[in-house]
Amino acid sequence: MSVSDPIADTLTIIRNATNARKETVEFPASKLLERMMGLFKNDGYIEDFRLLKDNKQGVLKVYLKYENNKPLILGLKRVSRPGLRVYADKTRIPRVLNGLGTAVISTSKGLISDREARKLKIGGEVICHIW
């Protein structure tokens, strides 16, 4: 089965899993998704993630994080999509909930958070928001 937007599919899988209070989720791996999960882990939205090797592309297993039986991921939104790309220059990097959330930005330095993009003074494609 071909997937036209694997990032949106992954965000939907995570959103549905947090609503259902699942402990872990699995989805097909890619380098982009692996880097995105690294950002989510560094910002404290997920507990951990592992790359499980198989005969194909591999599977990412993500361990979701909860506090007092409430998920730490309150919302996920795909911003730039295949039909409408959204770019931000260094002066217009978005703030998610006035800095309480994180915007994931694809830059020439790789996938980075909005805070790091402001610090490095570079712009790029706004992939998604998480809060």
N, C-alpha and C. Protein backbone atom coordinates (compact mmCIF):
# COMPACT_ATOMS: atom_id res chain seq x y z
N MET A 1 0.84 -1.18 0.00
CA MET A 1 0.00 0.00 0.00
C MET A 1 0.88 1.24 0.00
N SER A 2 0.67 2.14 -0.94
CA SER A 2 1.47 3.36 -0.97
C SER A 2 0.79 4.44 -0.13
N VAL A 3 1.61 5.22 0.50
CA VAL A 3 1.13 6.28 1.38
C VAL A 3 1.57 7.60 0.78
N SER A 4 0.64 8.54 0.61
CA SER A 4 0.99 9.81 -0.01
C SER A 4 1.59 10.78 1.01
N ASP A 5 1.23 10.67 2.28
CA ASP A 5 1.77 11.57 3.30
C ASP A 5 2.06 10.79 4.59
N PRO A 6 3.24 10.17 4.70
CA PRO A 6 3.55 9.36 5.87
C PRO A 6 3.64 10.17 7.17
N ILE A 7 3.99 11.46 7.07
CA ILE A 7 4.08 12.28 8.28
C ILE A 7 2.69 12.49 8.88
N ALA A 8 1.71 12.83 8.04
CA ALA A 8 0.34 13.02 8.52
C ALA A 8 -0.22 11.71 9.08
N ASP A 9 0.08 10.59 8.43
CA ASP A 9 -0.38 9.29 8.93
C ASP A 9 0.22 9.00 10.31
N THR A 10 1.50 9.29 10.48
CA THR A 10 2.16 9.06 11.76
C THR A 10 1.57 9.93 12.85
N LEU A 11 1.34 11.21 12.55
CA LEU A 11 0.74 12.10 13.55
C LEU A 11 -0.65 11.63 13.94
N THR A 12 -1.42 11.12 12.98
CA THR A 12 -2.75 10.60 13.28
C THR A 12 -2.67 9.35 14.14
N ILE A 13 -1.71 8.48 13.85
CA ILE A 13 -1.53 7.27 14.67
C ILE A 13 -1.22 7.65 16.11
N ILE A 14 -0.33 8.62 16.31
CA ILE A 14 0.04 9.05 17.67
C ILE A 14 -1.14 9.73 18.35
N ARG A 15 -1.86 10.58 17.64
CA ARG A 15 -3.01 11.28 18.20
C ARG A 15 -4.08 10.29 18.65
N ASN A 16 -4.38 9.30 17.82
CA ASN A 16 -5.38 8.29 18.17
C ASN A 16 -4.93 7.43 19.34
N ALA A 17 -3.64 7.11 19.39
CA ALA A 17 -3.12 6.29 20.48
C ALA A 17 -3.18 7.02 21.81
N THR A 18 -2.89 8.32 21.82
CA THR A 18 -2.95 9.07 23.09
C THR A 18 -4.40 9.20 23.55
N ASN A 19 -5.33 9.37 22.61
CA ASN A 19 -6.75 9.43 22.98
C ASN A 19 -7.25 8.10 23.55
N ALA A 20 -6.69 6.99 23.06
CA ALA A 20 -7.08 5.66 23.53
C ALA A 20 -6.23 5.19 24.71
N ARG A 21 -5.31 6.05 25.19
CA ARG A 21 -4.43 5.76 26.33
C ARG A 21 -3.55 4.53 26.11
N LYS A 22 -3.07 4.36 24.88
CA LYS A 22 -2.14 3.26 24.57
C LYS A 22 -0.77 3.58 25.16
N GLU A 23 -0.02 2.53 25.50
CA GLU A 23 1.33 2.72 26.03
C GLU A 23 2.34 2.86 24.91
N THR A 24 2.15 2.10 23.82
CA THR A 24 3.09 2.16 22.70
C THR A 24 2.33 2.19 21.39
N VAL A 25 3.00 2.71 20.37
CA VAL A 25 2.48 2.67 19.00
C VAL A 25 3.61 2.27 18.07
N GLU A 26 3.26 1.67 16.95
CA GLU A 26 4.24 1.28 15.95
C GLU A 26 3.79 1.79 14.58
N PHE A 27 4.77 2.23 13.79
CA PHE A 27 4.51 2.68 12.43
C PHE A 27 5.77 2.50 11.60
N PRO A 28 5.65 2.48 10.26
CA PRO A 28 6.82 2.29 9.40
C PRO A 28 7.86 3.38 9.62
N ALA A 29 9.11 2.99 9.64
CA ALA A 29 10.20 3.91 9.95
C ALA A 29 10.71 4.64 8.71
N SER A 30 11.25 5.81 8.94
CA SER A 30 12.01 6.56 7.95
C SER A 30 12.97 7.45 8.74
N LYS A 31 13.99 7.96 8.07
CA LYS A 31 14.96 8.82 8.76
C LYS A 31 14.30 10.09 9.26
N LEU A 32 13.38 10.65 8.47
CA LEU A 32 12.67 11.86 8.86
C LEU A 32 11.83 11.63 10.11
N LEU A 33 11.08 10.53 10.15
CA LEU A 33 10.25 10.23 11.31
C LEU A 33 11.10 9.90 12.53
N GLU A 34 12.24 9.27 12.32
CA GLU A 34 13.14 8.95 13.42
C GLU A 34 13.68 10.24 14.05
N ARG A 35 14.05 11.20 13.22
CA ARG A 35 14.54 12.49 13.72
C ARG A 35 13.41 13.25 14.41
N MET A 36 12.19 13.17 13.88
CA MET A 36 11.05 13.85 14.50
C MET A 36 10.76 13.27 15.88
N MET A 37 10.83 11.95 16.02
CA MET A 37 10.61 11.32 17.32
C MET A 37 11.72 11.72 18.29
N GLY A 38 12.93 11.92 17.79
CA GLY A 38 14.02 12.42 18.63
C GLY A 38 13.71 13.80 19.18
N LEU A 39 13.13 14.67 18.35
CA LEU A 39 12.73 15.99 18.82
C LEU A 39 11.62 15.89 19.86
N PHE A 40 10.65 15.01 19.61
CA PHE A 40 9.56 14.83 20.56
C PHE A 40 10.09 14.33 21.90
N LYS A 41 11.07 13.43 21.86
CA LYS A 41 11.66 12.90 23.08
C LYS A 41 12.44 13.98 23.82
N ASN A 42 13.23 14.78 23.10
CA ASN A 42 14.01 15.85 23.73
C ASN A 42 13.12 16.89 24.39
N ASP A 43 11.96 17.15 23.81
CA ASP A 43 11.04 18.13 24.39
C ASP A 43 10.12 17.52 25.45
N GLY A 44 10.22 16.20 25.67
CA GLY A 44 9.48 15.56 26.76
C GLY A 44 8.07 15.12 26.41
N TYR A 45 7.73 15.04 25.14
CA TYR A 45 6.38 14.62 24.75
C TYR A 45 6.21 13.11 24.73
N ILE A 46 7.30 12.38 24.47
CA ILE A 46 7.24 10.92 24.49
C ILE A 46 8.31 10.39 25.42
N GLU A 47 8.10 9.18 25.91
CA GLU A 47 9.05 8.55 26.83
C GLU A 47 10.32 8.13 26.11
N ASP A 48 10.15 7.36 25.02
CA ASP A 48 11.29 6.84 24.28
C ASP A 48 10.79 6.29 22.95
N PHE A 49 11.72 5.95 22.07
CA PHE A 49 11.37 5.29 20.80
C PHE A 49 12.51 4.36 20.42
N ARG A 50 12.15 3.32 19.68
CA ARG A 50 13.14 2.33 19.23
C ARG A 50 12.90 2.01 17.76
N LEU A 51 13.99 1.77 17.05
CA LEU A 51 13.92 1.33 15.66
C LEU A 51 14.04 -0.18 15.65
N LEU A 52 12.98 -0.85 15.23
CA LEU A 52 12.97 -2.30 15.15
C LEU A 52 13.25 -2.70 13.71
N LYS A 53 14.32 -3.44 13.50
CA LYS A 53 14.72 -3.85 12.14
C LYS A 53 13.84 -5.01 11.68
N ASP A 54 13.51 -5.00 10.40
CA ASP A 54 12.85 -6.14 9.77
C ASP A 54 13.42 -6.26 8.36
N ASN A 55 12.84 -7.08 7.54
CA ASN A 55 13.38 -7.30 6.20
C ASN A 55 13.11 -6.13 5.25
N LYS A 56 12.27 -5.20 5.66
CA LYS A 56 11.92 -4.06 4.80
C LYS A 56 12.55 -2.79 5.35
N GLN A 57 11.75 -1.77 5.60
CA GLN A 57 12.28 -0.49 6.03
C GLN A 57 12.40 -0.35 7.54
N GLY A 58 11.84 -1.26 8.29
CA GLY A 58 11.90 -1.18 9.74
C GLY A 58 10.63 -0.59 10.31
N VAL A 59 10.52 -0.66 11.63
CA VAL A 59 9.36 -0.15 12.34
C VAL A 59 9.84 0.70 13.50
N LEU A 60 9.23 1.85 13.70
CA LEU A 60 9.51 2.67 14.87
C LEU A 60 8.48 2.35 15.94
N LYS A 61 8.95 2.01 17.12
CA LYS A 61 8.07 1.75 18.26
C LYS A 61 8.24 2.92 19.22
N VAL A 62 7.14 3.63 19.47
CA VAL A 62 7.17 4.83 20.30
C VAL A 62 6.45 4.54 21.61
N TYR A 63 7.12 4.87 22.72
CA TYR A 63 6.54 4.71 24.06
C TYR A 63 5.98 6.07 24.48
N LEU A 64 4.67 6.14 24.62
CA LEU A 64 4.01 7.40 24.93
C LEU A 64 4.14 7.73 26.42
N LYS A 65 4.04 9.02 26.72
CA LYS A 65 4.26 9.50 28.09
C LYS A 65 2.96 10.08 28.66
N TYR A 66 2.68 9.72 29.90
CA TYR A 66 1.47 10.19 30.59
C TYR A 66 1.84 10.69 31.97
N GLU A 67 1.09 11.69 32.47
CA GLU A 67 1.22 12.17 33.84
C GLU A 67 -0.17 12.19 34.46
N ASN A 68 -0.34 11.51 35.58
CA ASN A 68 -1.65 11.40 36.24
C ASN A 68 -2.72 10.91 35.27
N ASN A 69 -2.35 9.91 34.46
CA ASN A 69 -3.23 9.28 33.48
C ASN A 69 -3.72 10.24 32.39
N LYS A 70 -3.00 11.37 32.21
CA LYS A 70 -3.31 12.31 31.13
C LYS A 70 -2.11 12.36 30.19
N PRO A 71 -2.36 12.31 28.88
CA PRO A 71 -1.24 12.32 27.93
C PRO A 71 -0.54 13.67 27.92
N LEU A 72 0.77 13.67 27.73
CA LEU A 72 1.51 14.92 27.61
C LEU A 72 1.34 15.54 26.23
N ILE A 73 0.96 14.73 25.25
CA ILE A 73 0.66 15.27 23.92
C ILE A 73 -0.82 15.65 23.90
N LEU A 74 -1.08 16.95 23.93
CA LEU A 74 -2.46 17.42 23.91
C LEU A 74 -2.95 17.65 22.49
N GLY A 75 -2.03 17.95 21.57
CA GLY A 75 -2.44 18.19 20.19
C GLY A 75 -1.28 18.03 19.23
N LEU A 76 -1.59 17.57 18.04
CA LEU A 76 -0.65 17.44 16.93
C LEU A 76 -1.33 17.98 15.69
N LYS A 77 -0.61 18.81 14.93
CA LYS A 77 -1.20 19.37 13.72
C LYS A 77 -0.17 19.39 12.61
N ARG A 78 -0.53 18.82 11.47
CA ARG A 78 0.33 18.85 10.28
C ARG A 78 0.15 20.22 9.64
N VAL A 79 1.22 20.97 9.46
CA VAL A 79 1.13 22.32 8.90
C VAL A 79 1.40 22.29 7.40
N SER A 80 2.60 21.89 7.01
CA SER A 80 2.96 21.81 5.60
C SER A 80 2.57 20.44 5.09
N ARG A 81 1.88 20.38 3.98
CA ARG A 81 1.43 19.10 3.44
C ARG A 81 1.77 19.05 1.96
N PRO A 82 1.64 17.89 1.33
CA PRO A 82 2.03 17.78 -0.08
C PRO A 82 1.29 18.75 -1.00
N GLY A 83 0.05 19.08 -0.72
CA GLY A 83 -0.72 19.98 -1.57
C GLY A 83 -0.47 21.45 -1.30
N LEU A 84 0.06 21.77 -0.12
CA LEU A 84 0.29 23.17 0.25
C LEU A 84 1.48 23.24 1.20
N ARG A 85 2.63 23.55 0.65
CA ARG A 85 3.83 23.65 1.47
C ARG A 85 3.83 25.00 2.19
N VAL A 86 4.28 24.99 3.45
CA VAL A 86 4.34 26.20 4.26
C VAL A 86 5.78 26.42 4.69
N TYR A 87 6.32 27.58 4.32
CA TYR A 87 7.70 27.93 4.65
C TYR A 87 7.72 29.15 5.55
N ALA A 88 8.74 29.24 6.38
CA ALA A 88 8.91 30.39 7.26
C ALA A 88 10.37 30.83 7.19
N ASP A 89 10.57 32.14 6.98
CA ASP A 89 11.95 32.63 7.00
C ASP A 89 12.35 32.85 8.45
N LYS A 90 13.59 33.27 8.67
CA LYS A 90 14.12 33.34 10.03
C LYS A 90 13.40 34.35 10.92
N THR A 91 12.71 35.32 10.32
CA THR A 91 12.00 36.31 11.13
C THR A 91 10.56 35.91 11.43
N ARG A 92 10.05 34.89 10.76
CA ARG A 92 8.64 34.49 10.93
C ARG A 92 8.47 33.05 11.38
N ILE A 93 9.39 32.56 12.18
CA ILE A 93 9.27 31.20 12.70
C ILE A 93 8.11 31.18 13.70
N PRO A 94 7.15 30.28 13.53
CA PRO A 94 5.95 30.30 14.39
C PRO A 94 6.24 29.90 15.84
N ARG A 95 5.46 30.49 16.72
CA ARG A 95 5.46 30.11 18.14
C ARG A 95 4.16 29.35 18.39
N VAL A 96 4.26 28.18 18.96
CA VAL A 96 3.08 27.36 19.24
C VAL A 96 2.66 27.62 20.69
N LEU A 97 1.47 28.14 20.88
CA LEU A 97 0.93 28.49 22.20
C LEU A 97 1.89 29.37 22.99
N ASN A 98 2.42 30.40 22.33
CA ASN A 98 3.36 31.34 22.95
C ASN A 98 4.57 30.65 23.58
N GLY A 99 5.07 29.62 22.92
CA GLY A 99 6.28 28.95 23.39
C GLY A 99 6.03 27.71 24.22
N LEU A 100 4.78 27.40 24.55
CA LEU A 100 4.49 26.20 25.33
C LEU A 100 4.55 24.94 24.47
N GLY A 101 4.30 25.07 23.18
CA GLY A 101 4.38 23.96 22.25
C GLY A 101 5.65 24.03 21.42
N THR A 102 5.75 23.16 20.44
CA THR A 102 6.93 23.10 19.59
C THR A 102 6.51 23.01 18.13
N ALA A 103 7.20 23.78 17.29
CA ALA A 103 7.03 23.66 15.84
C ALA A 103 8.24 22.90 15.31
N VAL A 104 8.01 21.89 14.50
CA VAL A 104 9.09 21.11 13.89
C VAL A 104 9.35 21.71 12.51
N ILE A 105 10.62 22.09 12.27
CA ILE A 105 10.98 22.79 11.05
C ILE A 105 12.08 22.03 10.32
N SER A 106 11.89 21.83 9.02
CA SER A 106 12.89 21.19 8.18
C SER A 106 13.77 22.28 7.57
N THR A 107 15.05 22.27 7.91
CA THR A 107 15.98 23.30 7.45
C THR A 107 17.15 22.66 6.72
N SER A 108 18.08 23.49 6.30
CA SER A 108 19.29 22.98 5.67
C SER A 108 20.18 22.26 6.68
N LYS A 109 19.96 22.49 7.96
CA LYS A 109 20.69 21.82 9.03
C LYS A 109 19.99 20.54 9.50
N GLY A 110 18.89 20.19 8.85
CA GLY A 110 18.12 19.01 9.23
C GLY A 110 16.83 19.41 9.92
N LEU A 111 16.20 18.46 10.56
CA LEU A 111 14.95 18.69 11.27
C LEU A 111 15.26 19.26 12.65
N ILE A 112 14.75 20.45 12.95
CA ILE A 112 15.03 21.08 14.24
C ILE A 112 13.75 21.69 14.80
N SER A 113 13.79 22.05 16.08
CA SER A 113 12.64 22.68 16.72
C SER A 113 12.65 24.18 16.43
N ASP A 114 11.53 24.84 16.72
CA ASP A 114 11.44 26.28 16.46
C ASP A 114 12.41 27.07 17.32
N ARG A 115 12.65 26.63 18.55
CA ARG A 115 13.59 27.34 19.43
C ARG A 115 15.01 27.31 18.87
N GLU A 116 15.40 26.13 18.39
CA GLU A 116 16.73 25.98 17.83
C GLU A 116 16.86 26.78 16.52
N ALA A 117 15.80 26.84 15.72
CA ALA A 117 15.83 27.60 14.47
C ALA A 117 15.99 29.09 14.76
N ARG A 118 15.32 29.59 15.81
CA ARG A 118 15.49 30.99 16.19
C ARG A 118 16.91 31.26 16.66
N LYS A 119 17.46 30.32 17.42
CA LYS A 119 18.82 30.47 17.93
C LYS A 119 19.84 30.48 16.78
N LEU A 120 19.65 29.59 15.79
CA LEU A 120 20.56 29.51 14.65
C LEU A 120 20.25 30.56 13.58
N LYS A 121 19.10 31.25 13.73
CA LYS A 121 18.66 32.27 12.77
C LYS A 121 18.53 31.71 11.35
N ILE A 122 17.81 30.58 11.25
CA ILE A 122 17.53 29.99 9.94
C ILE A 122 16.04 29.65 9.84
N GLY A 123 15.51 29.66 8.65
CA GLY A 123 14.12 29.30 8.40
C GLY A 123 14.04 27.99 7.65
N GLY A 124 12.83 27.61 7.27
CA GLY A 124 12.64 26.38 6.54
C GLY A 124 11.17 26.04 6.42
N GLU A 125 10.90 24.77 6.11
CA GLU A 125 9.53 24.29 5.95
C GLU A 125 8.98 23.88 7.31
N VAL A 126 7.81 24.40 7.66
CA VAL A 126 7.17 24.09 8.93
C VAL A 126 6.43 22.76 8.76
N ILE A 127 6.94 21.70 9.38
CA ILE A 127 6.38 20.36 9.20
C ILE A 127 5.12 20.17 10.04
N CYS A 128 5.21 20.42 11.34
CA CYS A 128 4.05 20.21 12.22
C CYS A 128 4.19 21.00 13.50
N HIS A 129 3.09 21.07 14.24
CA HIS A 129 3.06 21.67 15.58
C HIS A 129 2.67 20.58 16.56
N ILE A 130 3.28 20.62 17.75
CA ILE A 130 2.90 19.71 18.83
C ILE A 130 2.79 20.52 20.11
N TRP A 131 1.74 20.24 20.88
CA TRP A 131 1.57 20.90 22.17
C TRP A 131 0.93 19.97 23.15
